[in-house]
Amino acid sequence: MRRHTVTLVAVTLVAGLALGLIFTGNGPGASGIVRGEYWILVLVAASIFLGWLAAQLGFGAAALLVSPVAVVLMIAVVLGVKYVRLPAAPIVADGFRILVAIYASCGVLGALLGGAPWMRAKTPASAARTALLRSLAIVIASVVPYALAAVSD
């Protein structure tokens, strides 16, 4: 179990670091590679993946508790990278707590998907099915944050 925990923490830290570098640009007001509202889709995908990974690593029912923690850790690393690259920029904005709750929920959704026996990728066909269903879950779960972003503009 300890090896699985180390693996999940390592993947979470690497994902947070990579996303932080992708989201932040090189100067004040500069966006990184992912611009506009597309960062929502990327964070939803990463959150669902972390939840799925927690379930696949064998956390069992604990994956439902571990996955939101992993998502919050990933977001903390993203914000840390943002602070290091752009120390004068505000770290968070209005609605931050709501978005963190949505991303943590996406982690739980990923854990539920990863814990389902029919979502185990044992053959190429089941791997393709798993990828398609995860992609569908990402698209559906992205609707809520996109709708909130559209309403706030």
C-alpha atoms as a PDB file:
ATOM      1  CA  MET A   1       0.000   0.000   0.000  1.00  0.00           C
ATOM      2  CA  ARG A   2       2.871   2.351   0.741  1.00  0.00           C
ATOM      3  CA  ARG A   3       4.221   1.973  -2.801  1.00  0.00           C
ATOM      4  CA  HIS A   4       0.788   2.858  -4.186  1.00  0.00           C
ATOM      5  CA  THR A   5       0.626   5.957  -1.999  1.00  0.00           C
ATOM      6  CA  VAL A   6       4.088   7.077  -3.111  1.00  0.00           C
ATOM      7  CA  THR A   7       3.098   6.502  -6.741  1.00  0.00           C
ATOM      8  CA  LEU A   8      -0.101   8.531  -6.402  1.00  0.00           C
ATOM      9  CA  VAL A   9       1.679  11.386  -4.612  1.00  0.00           C
ATOM     10  CA  ALA A  10       4.467  11.426  -7.211  1.00  0.00           C
ATOM     11  CA  VAL A  11       2.012  11.483 -10.120  1.00  0.00           C
ATOM     12  CA  THR A  12       0.002  14.206  -8.373  1.00  0.00           C
ATOM     13  CA  LEU A  13       3.075  16.388  -7.827  1.00  0.00           C
ATOM     14  CA  VAL A  14       4.306  15.923 -11.400  1.00  0.00           C
ATOM     15  CA  ALA A  15       0.823  16.689 -12.761  1.00  0.00           C
ATOM     16  CA  GLY A  16       0.601  19.844 -10.631  1.00  0.00           C
ATOM     17  CA  LEU A  17       4.047  20.995 -11.710  1.00  0.00           C
ATOM     18  CA  ALA A  18       3.349  20.323 -15.382  1.00  0.00           C
ATOM     19  CA  LEU A  19      -0.035  22.039 -15.278  1.00  0.00           C
ATOM     20  CA  GLY A  20       1.402  25.007 -13.407  1.00  0.00           C
ATOM     21  CA  LEU A  21       4.035  25.464 -16.105  1.00  0.00           C
ATOM     22  CA  ILE A  22       1.451  25.043 -18.873  1.00  0.00           C
ATOM     23  CA  PHE A  23      -1.020  27.517 -17.351  1.00  0.00           C
ATOM     24  CA  THR A  24       1.367  30.361 -16.464  1.00  0.00           C
ATOM     25  CA  GLY A  25       3.202  32.568 -18.916  1.00  0.00           C
ATOM     26  CA  ASN A  26       6.478  34.392 -18.573  1.00  0.00           C
ATOM     27  CA  GLY A  27       5.225  37.777 -17.466  1.00  0.00           C
ATOM     28  CA  PRO A  28       2.455  39.699 -15.751  1.00  0.00           C
ATOM     29  CA  GLY A  29      -0.872  39.032 -17.457  1.00  0.00           C
ATOM     30  CA  ALA A  30       0.648  36.378 -19.690  1.00  0.00           C
ATOM     31  CA  SER A  31      -1.106  33.078 -20.130  1.00  0.00           C
ATOM     32  CA  GLY A  32       0.731  29.877 -20.797  1.00  0.00           C
ATOM     33  CA  ILE A  33       0.076  27.376 -23.544  1.00  0.00           C
ATOM     34  CA  VAL A  34      -3.509  26.761 -22.385  1.00  0.00           C
ATOM     35  CA  ARG A  35      -5.392  30.040 -22.790  1.00  0.00           C
ATOM     36  CA  GLY A  36      -8.893  31.263 -22.138  1.00  0.00           C
ATOM     37  CA  GLU A  37     -11.328  28.939 -20.417  1.00  0.00           C
ATOM     38  CA  TYR A  38      -9.621  25.767 -21.717  1.00  0.00           C
ATOM     39  CA  TRP A  39      -7.775  25.365 -18.431  1.00  0.00           C
ATOM     40  CA  ILE A  40     -11.089  24.175 -16.971  1.00  0.00           C
ATOM     41  CA  LEU A  41     -11.166  21.191 -19.323  1.00  0.00           C
ATOM     42  CA  VAL A  42      -7.536  20.385 -18.550  1.00  0.00           C
ATOM     43  CA  LEU A  43      -8.093  20.512 -14.770  1.00  0.00           C
ATOM     44  CA  VAL A  44     -11.247  18.391 -15.020  1.00  0.00           C
ATOM     45  CA  ALA A  45      -9.344  15.813 -17.073  1.00  0.00           C
ATOM     46  CA  ALA A  46      -6.440  15.772 -14.610  1.00  0.00           C
ATOM     47  CA  SER A  47      -8.817  15.466 -11.646  1.00  0.00           C
ATOM     48  CA  ILE A  48     -10.719  12.554 -13.180  1.00  0.00           C
ATOM     49  CA  PHE A  49      -7.429  10.882 -14.075  1.00  0.00           C
ATOM     50  CA  LEU A  50      -6.096  11.195 -10.500  1.00  0.00           C
ATOM     51  CA  GLY A  51      -9.284   9.658  -9.126  1.00  0.00           C
ATOM     52  CA  TRP A  52      -9.146   6.862 -11.680  1.00  0.00           C
ATOM     53  CA  LEU A  53      -5.482   6.245 -10.855  1.00  0.00           C
ATOM     54  CA  ALA A  54      -6.242   6.052  -7.122  1.00  0.00           C
ATOM     55  CA  ALA A  55      -8.841   3.364  -7.812  1.00  0.00           C
ATOM     56  CA  GLN A  56      -6.564   1.483 -10.201  1.00  0.00           C
ATOM     57  CA  LEU A  57      -3.702   1.447  -7.684  1.00  0.00           C
ATOM     58  CA  GLY A  58      -5.809  -0.591  -5.309  1.00  0.00           C
ATOM     59  CA  PHE A  59      -7.006   1.912  -2.733  1.00  0.00           C
ATOM     60  CA  GLY A  60     -10.464   0.326  -2.976  1.00  0.00           C
ATOM     61  CA  ALA A  61     -13.216   2.293  -1.269  1.00  0.00           C
ATOM     62  CA  ALA A  62     -10.568   4.589   0.222  1.00  0.00           C
ATOM     63  CA  ALA A  63     -10.032   5.953  -3.300  1.00  0.00           C
ATOM     64  CA  LEU A  64     -13.203   7.972  -2.769  1.00  0.00           C
ATOM     65  CA  LEU A  65     -11.416   9.780   0.071  1.00  0.00           C
ATOM     66  CA  VAL A  66      -7.902   9.756  -1.358  1.00  0.00           C
ATOM     67  CA  SER A  67      -8.796  11.170  -4.784  1.00  0.00           C
ATOM     68  CA  PRO A  68     -10.099  14.572  -3.576  1.00  0.00           C
ATOM     69  CA  VAL A  69      -6.988  14.955  -1.436  1.00  0.00           C
ATOM     70  CA  ALA A  70      -4.820  14.230  -4.480  1.00  0.00           C
ATOM     71  CA  VAL A  71      -6.764  16.797  -6.517  1.00  0.00           C
ATOM     72  CA  VAL A  72      -6.355  19.477  -3.834  1.00  0.00           C
ATOM     73  CA  LEU A  73      -2.624  18.698  -3.643  1.00  0.00           C
ATOM     74  CA  MET A  74      -2.358  19.034  -7.432  1.00  0.00           C
ATOM     75  CA  ILE A  75      -4.143  22.415  -7.319  1.00  0.00           C
ATOM     76  CA  ALA A  76      -1.851  23.553  -4.492  1.00  0.00           C
ATOM     77  CA  VAL A  77       1.201  22.728  -6.616  1.00  0.00           C
ATOM     78  CA  VAL A  78      -0.317  24.586  -9.598  1.00  0.00           C
ATOM     79  CA  LEU A  79      -0.865  27.646  -7.401  1.00  0.00           C
ATOM     80  CA  GLY A  80       2.650  27.336  -6.012  1.00  0.00           C
ATOM     81  CA  VAL A  81       4.089  27.372  -9.518  1.00  0.00           C
ATOM     82  CA  LYS A  82       1.917  30.374 -10.344  1.00  0.00           C
ATOM     83  CA  TYR A  83       3.210  32.194  -7.267  1.00  0.00           C
ATOM     84  CA  VAL A  84       6.835  31.446  -8.094  1.00  0.00           C
ATOM     85  CA  ARG A  85       6.468  32.528 -11.730  1.00  0.00           C
ATOM     86  CA  LEU A  86       4.159  35.513 -11.113  1.00  0.00           C
ATOM     87  CA  PRO A  87       4.564  36.677  -7.492  1.00  0.00           C
ATOM     88  CA  ALA A  88       2.655  39.943  -8.061  1.00  0.00           C
ATOM     89  CA  ALA A  89      -0.406  38.232  -9.544  1.00  0.00           C
ATOM     90  CA  PRO A  90      -3.319  37.294  -7.293  1.00  0.00           C
ATOM     91  CA  ILE A  91      -3.212  33.614  -6.414  1.00  0.00           C
ATOM     92  CA  VAL A  92      -6.956  32.947  -6.507  1.00  0.00           C
ATOM     93  CA  ALA A  93     -10.122  34.794  -7.481  1.00  0.00           C
ATOM     94  CA  ASP A  94     -13.811  34.736  -6.646  1.00  0.00           C
ATOM     95  CA  GLY A  95     -15.382  31.316  -6.692  1.00  0.00           C
ATOM     96  CA  PHE A  96     -12.115  29.510  -5.955  1.00  0.00           C
ATOM     97  CA  ARG A  97     -13.648  27.317  -3.240  1.00  0.00           C
ATOM     98  CA  ILE A  98     -16.493  26.305  -5.524  1.00  0.00           C
ATOM     99  CA  LEU A  99     -14.098  25.339  -8.315  1.00  0.00           C
ATOM    100  CA  VAL A 100     -11.919  23.327  -5.937  1.00  0.00           C
ATOM    101  CA  ALA A 101     -15.043  21.479  -4.774  1.00  0.00           C
ATOM    102  CA  ILE A 102     -15.979  20.784  -8.401  1.00  0.00           C
ATOM    103  CA  TYR A 103     -12.503  19.474  -9.229  1.00  0.00           C
ATOM    104  CA  ALA A 104     -12.452  17.343  -6.058  1.00  0.00           C
ATOM    105  CA  SER A 105     -15.835  15.943  -7.133  1.00  0.00           C
ATOM    106  CA  CYS A 106     -14.329  15.132 -10.517  1.00  0.00           C
ATOM    107  CA  GLY A 107     -11.633  13.188  -8.653  1.00  0.00           C
ATOM    108  CA  VAL A 108     -14.354  11.211  -6.870  1.00  0.00           C
ATOM    109  CA  LEU A 109     -16.053  10.591 -10.237  1.00  0.00           C
ATOM    110  CA  GLY A 110     -12.746   9.275 -11.561  1.00  0.00           C
ATOM    111  CA  ALA A 111     -12.415   7.004  -8.515  1.00  0.00           C
ATOM    112  CA  LEU A 112     -15.918   5.662  -9.102  1.00  0.00           C
ATOM    113  CA  LEU A 113     -15.107   4.992 -12.746  1.00  0.00           C
ATOM    114  CA  GLY A 114     -11.763   3.423 -11.889  1.00  0.00           C
ATOM    115  CA  GLY A 115     -13.300   1.170  -9.267  1.00  0.00           C
ATOM    116  CA  ALA A 116     -15.880  -0.289 -11.642  1.00  0.00           C
ATOM    117  CA  PRO A 117     -14.848  -3.783 -12.783  1.00  0.00           C
ATOM    118  CA  TRP A 118     -15.880  -3.072 -16.374  1.00  0.00           C
ATOM    119  CA  MET A 119     -13.472  -0.092 -16.454  1.00  0.00           C
ATOM    120  CA  ARG A 120     -10.374  -2.243 -16.006  1.00  0.00           C
ATOM    121  CA  ALA A 121      -8.262  -2.191 -19.157  1.00  0.00           C
ATOM    122  CA  LYS A 122      -7.268  -5.844 -19.656  1.00  0.00           C
ATOM    123  CA  THR A 123      -7.463  -6.053 -23.460  1.00  0.00           C
ATOM    124  CA  PRO A 124      -6.981  -3.459 -26.222  1.00  0.00           C
ATOM    125  CA  ALA A 125     -10.752  -3.322 -26.734  1.00  0.00           C
ATOM    126  CA  SER A 126     -11.440  -2.724 -23.044  1.00  0.00           C
ATOM    127  CA  ALA A 127      -8.655  -0.112 -22.949  1.00  0.00           C
ATOM    128  CA  ALA A 128     -10.321   1.731 -25.835  1.00  0.00           C
ATOM    129  CA  ARG A 129     -13.696   1.513 -24.092  1.00  0.00           C
ATOM    130  CA  THR A 130     -12.190   2.795 -20.848  1.00  0.00           C
ATOM    131  CA  ALA A 131     -10.549   5.726 -22.631  1.00  0.00           C
ATOM    132  CA  LEU A 132     -13.770   6.633 -24.430  1.00  0.00           C
ATOM    133  CA  LEU A 133     -15.846   6.479 -21.263  1.00  0.00           C
ATOM    134  CA  ARG A 134     -13.292   8.564 -19.352  1.00  0.00           C
ATOM    135  CA  SER A 135     -13.296  11.103 -22.184  1.00  0.00           C
ATOM    136  CA  LEU A 136     -17.081  11.238 -22.101  1.00  0.00           C
ATOM    137  CA  ALA A 137     -17.009  11.762 -18.320  1.00  0.00           C
ATOM    138  CA  ILE A 138     -14.470  14.573 -18.770  1.00  0.00           C
ATOM    139  CA  VAL A 139     -16.648  16.337 -21.333  1.00  0.00           C
ATOM    140  CA  ILE A 140     -19.781  15.987 -19.208  1.00  0.00           C
ATOM    141  CA  ALA A 141     -18.026  17.062 -16.001  1.00  0.00           C
ATOM    142  CA  SER A 142     -16.555  20.113 -17.781  1.00  0.00           C
ATOM    143  CA  VAL A 143     -19.996  21.549 -18.483  1.00  0.00           C
ATOM    144  CA  VAL A 144     -20.492  22.751 -14.887  1.00  0.00           C
ATOM    145  CA  PRO A 145     -17.287  24.833 -14.573  1.00  0.00           C
ATOM    146  CA  TYR A 146     -17.701  26.199 -18.110  1.00  0.00           C
ATOM    147  CA  ALA A 147     -21.262  27.235 -17.279  1.00  0.00           C
ATOM    148  CA  LEU A 148     -20.072  28.929 -14.082  1.00  0.00           C
ATOM    149  CA  ALA A 149     -17.320  30.714 -16.012  1.00  0.00           C
ATOM    150  CA  ALA A 150     -19.806  31.893 -18.632  1.00  0.00           C
ATOM    151  CA  VAL A 151     -22.201  33.202 -15.987  1.00  0.00           C
ATOM    152  CA  SER A 152     -19.432  35.077 -14.159  1.00  0.00           C
ATOM    153  CA  ASP A 153     -18.316  36.994 -17.276  1.00  0.00           C
END
